[in-house]
C-alpha atoms as a PDB file:
ATOM      1  CA  MET A   1      -0.032   0.000  -0.032  1.00  0.00           C
ATOM      2  CA  ARG A   2       2.911   2.399   0.577  1.00  0.00           C
ATOM      3  CA  CYS A   3       3.666   2.310  -2.925  1.00  0.00           C
ATOM      4  CA  LEU A   4       0.347   3.388  -4.251  1.00  0.00           C
ATOM      5  CA  ALA A   5       0.189   6.991  -5.501  1.00  0.00           C
ATOM      6  CA  TRP A   6      -2.063   9.768  -4.274  1.00  0.00           C
ATOM      7  CA  ASN A   7      -5.518   9.076  -6.005  1.00  0.00           C
ATOM      8  CA  GLY A   8      -4.138   5.910  -7.230  1.00  0.00           C
ATOM      9  CA  ARG A   9      -5.992   2.636  -8.230  1.00  0.00           C
ATOM     10  CA  LEU A  10      -5.346  -0.803  -6.784  1.00  0.00           C
ATOM     11  CA  LEU A  11      -6.784  -3.389  -8.867  1.00  0.00           C
ATOM     12  CA  ILE A  12      -7.579  -6.873  -6.948  1.00  0.00           C
ATOM     13  CA  ALA A  13      -7.785  -9.796  -9.487  1.00  0.00           C
ATOM     14  CA  GLY A  14      -9.342 -12.872  -7.738  1.00  0.00           C
ATOM     15  CA  PHE A  15      -7.771 -15.310  -5.248  1.00  0.00           C
ATOM     16  CA  ALA A  16      -6.154 -18.523  -5.853  1.00  0.00           C
ATOM     17  CA  ALA A  17      -7.220 -20.305  -2.553  1.00  0.00           C
ATOM     18  CA  GLY A  18      -7.801 -20.044   1.255  1.00  0.00           C
ATOM     19  CA  SER A  19      -9.039 -16.959   3.044  1.00  0.00           C
ATOM     20  CA  ILE A  20      -9.487 -13.639   1.676  1.00  0.00           C
ATOM     21  CA  PRO A  21      -6.740 -11.140   2.843  1.00  0.00           C
ATOM     22  CA  SER A  22      -7.851  -8.188   4.833  1.00  0.00           C
ATOM     23  CA  HIS A  23      -6.002  -4.801   5.052  1.00  0.00           C
ATOM     24  CA  ALA A  24      -6.842  -1.650   7.057  1.00  0.00           C
ATOM     25  CA  ALA A  25      -8.617   0.776   5.051  1.00  0.00           C
ATOM     26  CA  ASN A  26      -7.118   3.825   6.471  1.00  0.00           C
ATOM     27  CA  ARG A  27      -4.199   4.014   4.101  1.00  0.00           C
ATOM     28  CA  VAL A  28      -6.640   3.803   1.158  1.00  0.00           C
ATOM     29  CA  LEU A  29      -8.716   6.629   2.552  1.00  0.00           C
ATOM     30  CA  LEU A  30      -5.826   8.950   3.325  1.00  0.00           C
ATOM     31  CA  LYS A  31      -4.551   8.643  -0.082  1.00  0.00           C
ATOM     32  CA  GLY A  32      -7.789   9.127  -1.839  1.00  0.00           C
ATOM     33  CA  ALA A  33      -7.358   5.870  -3.524  1.00  0.00           C
ATOM     34  CA  SER A  34      -9.768   3.379  -5.189  1.00  0.00           C
ATOM     35  CA  VAL A  35      -9.673  -0.475  -4.625  1.00  0.00           C
ATOM     36  CA  ILE A  36     -11.287  -2.203  -7.482  1.00  0.00           C
ATOM     37  CA  GLY A  37     -12.005  -5.850  -7.502  1.00  0.00           C
ATOM     38  CA  VAL A  38     -12.462  -7.915 -10.738  1.00  0.00           C
ATOM     39  CA  ARG A  39     -13.133 -11.674 -11.460  1.00  0.00           C
ATOM     40  CA  ALA A  40     -10.118 -13.549 -12.435  1.00  0.00           C
ATOM     41  CA  GLU A  41     -11.827 -14.548 -15.825  1.00  0.00           C
ATOM     42  CA  ALA A  42     -12.286 -10.978 -16.584  1.00  0.00           C
ATOM     43  CA  MET A  43      -8.573 -10.370 -15.918  1.00  0.00           C
ATOM     44  CA  ARG A  44      -7.748 -13.005 -18.061  1.00  0.00           C
ATOM     45  CA  ARG A  45      -9.638 -11.643 -21.043  1.00  0.00           C
ATOM     46  CA  LEU A  46      -7.956  -8.266 -20.371  1.00  0.00           C
ATOM     47  CA  ALA A  47      -4.667  -9.911 -20.582  1.00  0.00           C
ATOM     48  CA  ASP A  48      -5.615 -11.647 -23.764  1.00  0.00           C
ATOM     49  CA  ARG A  49      -6.674  -8.422 -25.300  1.00  0.00           C
ATOM     50  CA  GLN A  50      -3.702  -6.579 -24.349  1.00  0.00           C
ATOM     51  CA  ALA A  51      -1.513  -9.394 -25.747  1.00  0.00           C
ATOM     52  CA  ILE A  52      -3.003  -9.212 -29.376  1.00  0.00           C
ATOM     53  CA  GLY A  53      -2.603  -5.459 -29.234  1.00  0.00           C
ATOM     54  CA  ARG A  54      -6.503  -4.531 -28.984  1.00  0.00           C
ATOM     55  CA  ILE A  55      -6.107  -2.573 -25.878  1.00  0.00           C
ATOM     56  CA  ALA A  56      -2.778  -0.804 -24.382  1.00  0.00           C
ATOM     57  CA  ILE A  57      -2.228  -0.648 -20.701  1.00  0.00           C
ATOM     58  CA  HIS A  58      -1.054   2.711 -19.598  1.00  0.00           C
ATOM     59  CA  VAL A  59       1.036   3.684 -16.552  1.00  0.00           C
ATOM     60  CA  ASP A  60       0.802   7.434 -15.961  1.00  0.00           C
ATOM     61  CA  THR A  61       3.903   7.724 -13.589  1.00  0.00           C
ATOM     62  CA  THR A  62       6.067   5.652 -11.201  1.00  0.00           C
ATOM     63  CA  GLN A  63       7.931   6.537  -8.450  1.00  0.00           C
END
């Protein structure tokens, strides 16, 4: 969470097995960030589209 930028987005793509991890929400709230959960199948479709060039992944800045 510390590497997440102000007003950043954290994408959570499914869980392999076991219990769902938990995290304190205070860092998300303080940074004004968004937490977005997607199903693993949707993430796989996005990766397939990116691999054939139908969509491009954009990283605005890194720190």
